[in-house]
Protein backbone atom coordinates (compact mmCIF):
# COMPACT_ATOMS: atom_id res chain seq x y z
CA UNK A 1 -6.21 15.80 30.12
CA UNK A 2 -5.80 12.29 31.66
CA UNK A 3 -4.25 9.82 28.78
CA UNK A 4 -6.97 7.51 28.83
CA UNK A 5 -9.46 9.83 28.76
CA UNK A 6 -7.59 11.11 25.21
CA UNK A 7 -7.46 7.48 24.15
CA UNK A 8 -11.41 7.36 24.37
CA UNK A 9 -11.87 10.23 22.61
CA UNK A 10 -10.05 9.10 19.61
CA UNK A 11 -11.78 5.79 19.29
CA UNK A 12 -13.27 4.81 16.07
CA UNK A 13 -16.92 5.15 15.24
CA UNK A 14 -18.95 2.01 15.83
CA UNK A 15 -19.62 -0.43 13.14
CA UNK A 16 -23.16 -0.57 13.02
CA UNK A 17 -24.54 -2.35 10.34
CA UNK A 18 -28.82 -1.33 10.00
CA UNK A 19 -30.47 -4.38 8.08
CA UNK A 20 -31.64 -3.45 4.27
CA UNK A 21 -34.75 -5.01 2.67
CA UNK A 22 -33.60 -7.05 -0.48
CA UNK A 23 -34.76 -4.01 -2.69
CA UNK A 24 -32.33 -1.38 -0.76
CA UNK A 25 -29.14 -3.87 -0.64
CA UNK A 26 -29.81 -4.41 -4.31
CA UNK A 27 -30.12 -0.35 -4.51
CA UNK A 28 -27.05 0.16 -2.19
CA UNK A 29 -24.92 -2.19 -4.32
CA UNK A 30 -25.73 -0.56 -7.73
CA UNK A 31 -25.17 2.70 -6.66
CA UNK A 32 -21.64 1.67 -4.75
CA UNK A 33 -21.13 -0.10 -8.50
CA UNK A 34 -21.90 2.75 -10.28
CA UNK A 35 -19.75 5.15 -8.42
CA UNK A 36 -16.91 3.16 -8.38
CA UNK A 37 -16.95 2.80 -12.24
CA UNK A 38 -17.09 6.97 -12.31
CA UNK A 39 -14.29 7.03 -9.97
CA UNK A 40 -12.15 4.58 -12.41
CA UNK A 41 -13.19 6.29 -15.70
CA UNK A 42 -15.17 3.02 -16.76
CA UNK A 43 -18.28 2.28 -18.50
CA UNK A 44 -18.86 -0.52 -15.54
CA UNK A 45 -17.27 -2.52 -13.07
CA UNK A 46 -18.60 -5.63 -14.49
CA UNK A 47 -17.40 -4.57 -18.27
CA UNK A 48 -14.05 -3.98 -16.25
CA UNK A 49 -13.56 -7.11 -14.31
CA UNK A 50 -14.62 -9.38 -17.45
CA UNK A 51 -11.76 -7.47 -19.76
CA UNK A 52 -9.12 -7.89 -17.22
CA UNK A 53 -10.12 -11.56 -17.42
CA UNK A 54 -10.33 -12.08 -21.14
CA UNK A 55 -6.84 -9.86 -21.28
CA UNK A 56 -5.11 -12.33 -18.60
CA UNK A 57 -5.91 -15.31 -21.22
CA UNK A 58 -3.46 -14.33 -23.44
CA UNK A 59 -0.54 -13.99 -20.61
CA UNK A 60 2.52 -16.02 -20.20
CA UNK A 61 2.47 -18.58 -17.90
CA UNK A 62 5.09 -17.60 -14.88
CA UNK A 63 6.03 -19.94 -12.33
CA UNK A 64 7.96 -16.84 -10.45
CA UNK A 65 7.44 -13.19 -9.93
CA UNK A 66 10.10 -11.11 -11.77
CA UNK A 67 12.81 -9.13 -9.58
CA UNK A 68 13.56 -5.91 -10.76
CA UNK A 69 15.48 -2.63 -8.63
CA UNK A 70 13.44 0.75 -8.16
CA UNK A 71 11.69 1.77 -11.34
CA UNK A 72 11.24 5.45 -12.84
CA UNK A 73 7.14 5.85 -13.81
CA UNK A 74 8.01 5.18 -17.60
CA UNK A 75 9.34 2.07 -16.75
CA UNK A 76 6.95 1.37 -14.13
CA UNK A 77 4.10 1.68 -16.43
CA UNK A 78 5.49 -0.18 -19.41
CA UNK A 79 6.15 -3.32 -17.23
CA UNK A 80 2.67 -3.00 -15.46
CA UNK A 81 0.91 -2.61 -18.96
CA UNK A 82 2.02 -6.32 -19.70
CA UNK A 83 -0.44 -7.15 -16.79
CA UNK A 84 2.13 -9.26 -14.83
CA UNK A 85 2.94 -9.55 -10.99
CA UNK A 86 6.80 -7.96 -10.02
CA UNK A 87 8.68 -7.26 -7.32
CA UNK A 88 10.94 -4.16 -6.82
CA UNK A 89 13.84 -5.56 -4.63
CA UNK A 90 14.76 -3.03 -1.55
CA UNK A 91 12.95 0.19 -3.43
CA UNK A 92 11.24 1.05 -0.15
CA UNK A 93 14.52 0.66 2.16
CA UNK A 94 15.19 3.89 2.09
CA UNK A 95 12.12 5.16 3.63
CA UNK A 96 12.20 6.56 7.11
CA UNK A 97 9.43 4.31 8.08
CA UNK A 98 11.91 1.44 6.94
CA UNK A 99 14.24 2.47 10.00
CA UNK A 100 12.02 2.34 12.65
CA UNK A 101 11.28 -0.67 14.66
CA UNK A 102 8.24 -1.48 16.81
CA UNK A 103 9.51 -0.07 19.72
CA UNK A 104 8.72 3.38 18.09
CA UNK A 105 4.85 2.56 18.04
CA UNK A 106 4.94 2.37 21.73
CA UNK A 107 7.25 5.72 22.00
CA UNK A 108 5.44 7.67 19.19
CA UNK A 109 2.22 6.17 18.38
CA UNK A 110 0.64 4.49 21.81
CA UNK A 111 -2.57 6.95 21.07
CA UNK A 112 -3.54 6.05 17.93
CA UNK A 113 -7.17 4.52 17.62
CA UNK A 114 -6.96 0.82 15.78
CA UNK A 115 -9.41 -1.54 14.94
CA UNK A 116 -8.02 -5.05 15.55
CA UNK A 117 -9.62 -8.11 13.43
CA UNK A 118 -9.66 -10.76 16.16
CA UNK A 119 -10.91 -14.49 16.22
CA UNK A 120 -11.37 -16.33 13.07
CA UNK A 121 -10.86 -13.48 10.13
CA UNK A 122 -10.25 -15.93 7.63
CA UNK A 123 -13.18 -17.72 7.54
CA UNK A 124 -15.49 -13.91 7.93
CA UNK A 125 -13.02 -12.15 6.17
CA UNK A 126 -15.18 -10.59 3.55
CA UNK A 127 -18.46 -10.89 5.84
CA UNK A 128 -20.06 -7.62 6.98
CA UNK A 129 -19.81 -8.63 10.44
CA UNK A 130 -16.50 -10.10 11.06
CA UNK A 131 -15.24 -9.70 14.43
CA UNK A 132 -13.17 -6.49 15.04
CA UNK A 133 -12.16 -5.13 18.44
CA UNK A 134 -11.24 -1.70 19.01
CA UNK A 135 -8.32 -0.10 21.12
CA UNK A 136 -5.38 1.97 20.92
CA UNK A 137 -2.47 0.65 19.66
CA UNK A 138 -0.26 0.32 22.90
CA UNK A 139 -3.32 -1.68 23.67
CA UNK A 140 -2.96 -3.67 20.85
CA UNK A 141 0.76 -4.09 21.25
CA UNK A 142 0.21 -5.54 24.62
CA UNK A 143 -2.19 -7.61 23.28
CA UNK A 144 0.22 -9.47 20.67
CA UNK A 145 3.09 -9.11 23.38
CA UNK A 146 1.04 -11.20 25.98
CA UNK A 147 0.19 -14.15 23.13
CA UNK A 148 -2.88 -14.47 24.99
CA UNK A 149 -4.54 -16.45 21.91
CA UNK A 150 -4.19 -20.16 21.85
CA UNK A 151 -1.50 -21.27 19.53
CA UNK A 152 -4.35 -22.63 17.14
CA UNK A 153 -5.65 -19.51 16.79
CA UNK A 154 -4.76 -16.58 14.65
CA UNK A 155 -2.93 -13.86 16.08
CA UNK A 156 -5.15 -10.54 15.97
CA UNK A 157 -4.34 -8.45 13.19
CA UNK A 158 -4.12 -4.76 12.35
CA UNK A 159 -5.13 -4.83 8.80
CA UNK A 160 -6.60 -2.35 6.10
CA UNK A 161 -6.11 0.75 8.31
CA UNK A 162 -5.25 4.40 7.53
CA UNK A 163 -2.88 5.52 10.09
CA UNK A 164 -2.04 8.75 8.69
CA UNK A 165 0.39 9.77 11.46
CA UNK A 166 2.53 7.33 9.36
CA UNK A 167 2.43 8.73 6.04
CA UNK A 168 4.74 11.73 6.19
CA UNK A 169 7.41 8.42 6.64
CA UNK A 170 6.44 6.70 3.34
CA UNK A 171 7.74 8.25 0.07
CA UNK A 172 5.77 6.64 -2.76
CA UNK A 173 6.76 7.28 -5.89
CA UNK A 174 4.56 8.51 -8.76
CA UNK A 175 3.52 5.36 -10.78
CA UNK A 176 -0.20 6.08 -11.18
CA UNK A 177 -2.24 8.97 -11.95
CA UNK A 178 -4.86 8.61 -9.39
CA UNK A 179 -4.46 6.43 -6.27
CA UNK A 180 -6.12 5.78 -2.80
CA UNK A 181 -4.91 7.02 0.64
CA UNK A 182 -2.00 4.50 2.11
CA UNK A 183 -3.13 1.38 4.10
CA UNK A 184 -1.53 -0.07 6.96
CA UNK A 185 -1.16 -3.80 7.92
CA UNK A 186 0.80 -4.55 11.14
CA UNK A 187 0.95 -7.73 13.26
CA UNK A 188 3.14 -10.66 14.37
CA UNK A 189 4.29 -13.80 12.34
CA UNK A 190 0.81 -16.02 11.24
CA UNK A 191 -1.29 -13.20 10.47
CA UNK A 192 -3.27 -13.85 7.37
CA UNK A 193 -5.11 -12.13 4.38
CA UNK A 194 -6.74 -14.87 2.71
CA UNK A 195 -6.66 -15.88 -0.94
CA UNK A 196 -9.05 -13.11 -2.33
CA UNK A 197 -8.54 -10.00 -6.17
CA UNK A 198 -8.84 -6.49 -6.06
CA UNK A 199 -10.06 -5.35 -9.57
CA UNK A 200 -8.06 -2.38 -8.83
CA UNK A 201 -4.00 -2.31 -9.54
CA UNK A 202 -2.11 -2.42 -5.92
CA UNK A 203 1.49 -1.17 -4.88
CA UNK A 204 2.40 -3.14 -2.35
CA UNK A 205 5.38 -1.97 0.34
CA UNK A 206 6.89 -4.53 2.91
CA UNK A 207 8.23 -2.39 5.78
CA UNK A 208 9.34 -4.33 8.79
CA UNK A 209 9.84 -7.95 8.57
CA UNK A 210 8.86 -10.49 5.39
CA UNK A 211 5.44 -11.99 4.15
CA UNK A 212 4.44 -14.71 2.31
CA UNK A 213 2.13 -14.27 -1.11
CA UNK A 214 0.71 -16.89 -3.37
CA UNK A 215 -0.54 -15.33 -6.62
CA UNK A 216 -2.98 -16.70 -9.35
CA UNK A 217 -4.16 -14.85 -12.51
CA UNK A 218 -7.39 -13.83 -13.11
CA UNK A 219 -8.70 -15.68 -15.88
CA UNK A 220 -8.51 -18.92 -13.21
CA UNK A 221 -11.10 -17.16 -11.41
CA UNK A 222 -13.20 -19.98 -12.80
CA UNK A 223 -11.37 -22.76 -10.89
CA UNK A 224 -11.40 -20.72 -7.08
CA UNK A 225 -14.98 -20.52 -6.64
CA UNK A 226 -15.01 -16.75 -6.14
CA UNK A 227 -17.76 -14.91 -3.92
CA UNK A 228 -18.32 -11.45 -4.31
CA UNK A 229 -17.81 -9.01 -0.94
CA UNK A 230 -18.59 -6.17 -3.37
CA UNK A 231 -18.10 -4.98 -7.19
CA UNK A 232 -14.34 -4.80 -6.75
CA UNK A 233 -13.52 -7.34 -4.15
CA UNK A 234 -13.81 -11.00 -4.17
CA UNK A 235 -12.65 -13.95 -1.95
CA UNK A 236 -12.00 -17.31 -2.58
CA UNK A 237 -12.96 -20.33 0.07
CA UNK A 238 -10.05 -22.11 -1.18
CA UNK A 239 -6.59 -22.23 0.98
CA UNK A 240 -3.29 -22.85 -1.05
CA UNK A 241 -1.53 -23.31 1.99
CA UNK A 242 -3.63 -26.24 2.77
CA UNK A 243 -5.58 -27.12 -0.22
CA UNK A 244 -8.58 -29.49 0.36
CA UNK A 245 -9.36 -30.42 -3.50
CA UNK A 246 -12.13 -33.08 -2.00
CA UNK A 247 -14.21 -29.41 -1.40
CA UNK A 248 -13.04 -27.86 -4.30
CA UNK A 249 -11.70 -30.54 -7.36
CA UNK A 250 -11.24 -27.35 -9.87
CA UNK A 251 -8.77 -25.73 -7.83
CA UNK A 252 -6.51 -28.22 -9.17
CA UNK A 253 -5.94 -26.07 -12.03
CA UNK A 254 -5.26 -22.84 -10.90
CA UNK A 255 -1.61 -21.79 -11.30
CA UNK A 256 -0.43 -20.28 -7.74
CA UNK A 257 2.90 -18.58 -7.48
CA UNK A 258 4.95 -18.17 -4.46
CA UNK A 259 6.81 -14.93 -3.72
CA UNK A 260 8.78 -13.87 -0.64
CA UNK A 261 8.58 -10.02 0.02
CA UNK A 262 11.15 -8.82 2.61
CA UNK A 263 11.83 -5.79 4.30
CA UNK A 264 12.30 -2.73 1.78
CA UNK A 265 10.62 -4.97 -1.27
CA UNK A 266 7.54 -3.17 -3.43
CA UNK A 267 5.16 -5.93 -4.97
CA UNK A 268 3.01 -4.78 -8.06
CA UNK A 269 0.06 -6.72 -7.94
CA UNK A 270 -1.97 -6.57 -11.11
CA UNK A 271 -5.57 -6.00 -11.02
CA UNK A 272 -7.77 -9.09 -10.89
CA UNK A 273 -4.92 -10.76 -9.26
CA UNK A 274 -6.21 -13.37 -6.68
CA UNK A 275 -3.73 -13.30 -3.46
CA UNK A 276 -2.97 -14.47 -0.03
CA UNK A 277 -0.65 -13.23 2.41
CA UNK A 278 1.08 -14.75 5.52
CA UNK A 279 3.40 -12.48 7.82
CA UNK A 280 6.40 -14.87 8.68
CA UNK A 281 7.46 -12.36 11.44
CA UNK A 282 6.42 -8.92 12.93
CA UNK A 283 5.53 -7.28 10.34
CA UNK A 284 4.06 -3.71 8.67
CA UNK A 285 3.29 -3.08 5.52
CA UNK A 286 1.37 -0.43 3.34
CA UNK A 287 -0.36 -0.62 0.34
CA UNK A 288 -2.04 1.76 -2.19
CA UNK A 289 -4.61 0.67 -4.47
CA UNK A 290 -5.03 3.06 -7.56
CA UNK A 291 -8.31 4.12 -8.62
CA UNK A 292 -8.07 4.39 -12.46
CA UNK A 293 -8.16 2.19 -15.82
CA UNK A 294 -6.06 -0.92 -14.77
CA UNK A 295 -2.48 -0.73 -16.41
CA UNK A 296 -3.52 -3.85 -18.26
CA UNK A 297 -6.36 -2.34 -19.82
CA UNK A 298 -4.67 1.09 -21.18
CA UNK A 299 -4.87 -0.49 -24.94
CA UNK A 300 -8.18 -1.16 -24.52
CA UNK A 301 -10.64 1.14 -26.32
CA UNK A 302 -13.60 -0.21 -24.78
CA UNK A 303 -12.33 1.93 -21.86
CA UNK A 304 -11.52 4.72 -23.85
CA UNK A 305 -7.67 4.62 -23.64
CA UNK A 306 -5.60 2.86 -26.66
């Protein structure tokens, strides 16, 4: 079978958003929130979010992310229970995927179907109609290599994709009792994920290149003009790399902590911490979100763990 036909057959399904009535949209939102709560074993996602922000108010103020080495599960969980981010330097450097190169993607994985973020994917980051383009991995790599985008435009970005063919090349530690599948993030310098928070604990591995990540604690959400994408994902229109305090005056009160994540490093981002991510070089990252009560709430009896 010709290679082109094989690629076409493996295209991702089309993104079709059917219009919903307000009642249907509300019912869909409530059903998803209920399912999310059941998966995580919490009374409700709203209650979990508020508990995370309440617990964060008692956190010590930090100006930098602590750096440690690779941790065993017991030590990781002890640190994670403190509710602060930390970086495990070199913790993923022995993973087989860390040893490969972008050329490997061309040679072994050019056929993989991918969905690229294109255009202005920052200002539309959490919109249902964000511009996306389906292509093969080879087509994506060629597009990046051609540098066809304007210098003032964002380079195309492969973000939050399941690439199961790469999973066997990653050796995730067993820190979480319940965890989602690996997600992959691939792109050249200049790709950005704008400021947002996930209400799940997040383990992030930098595999190639480096990224600058800016973090802000959960209870500073009140300064960041949050916008709900769904019950466990909130975005912020504030850009800490180009702060506009005239539009967002409250953001002056938000703590911003910068951490550089190099190839082989792993970063723990606790549930509810806002973060913005920028690639500083051609970069491959992978992350996994926990699907359980966040570590920072493990002693909160309201969630049945204490």
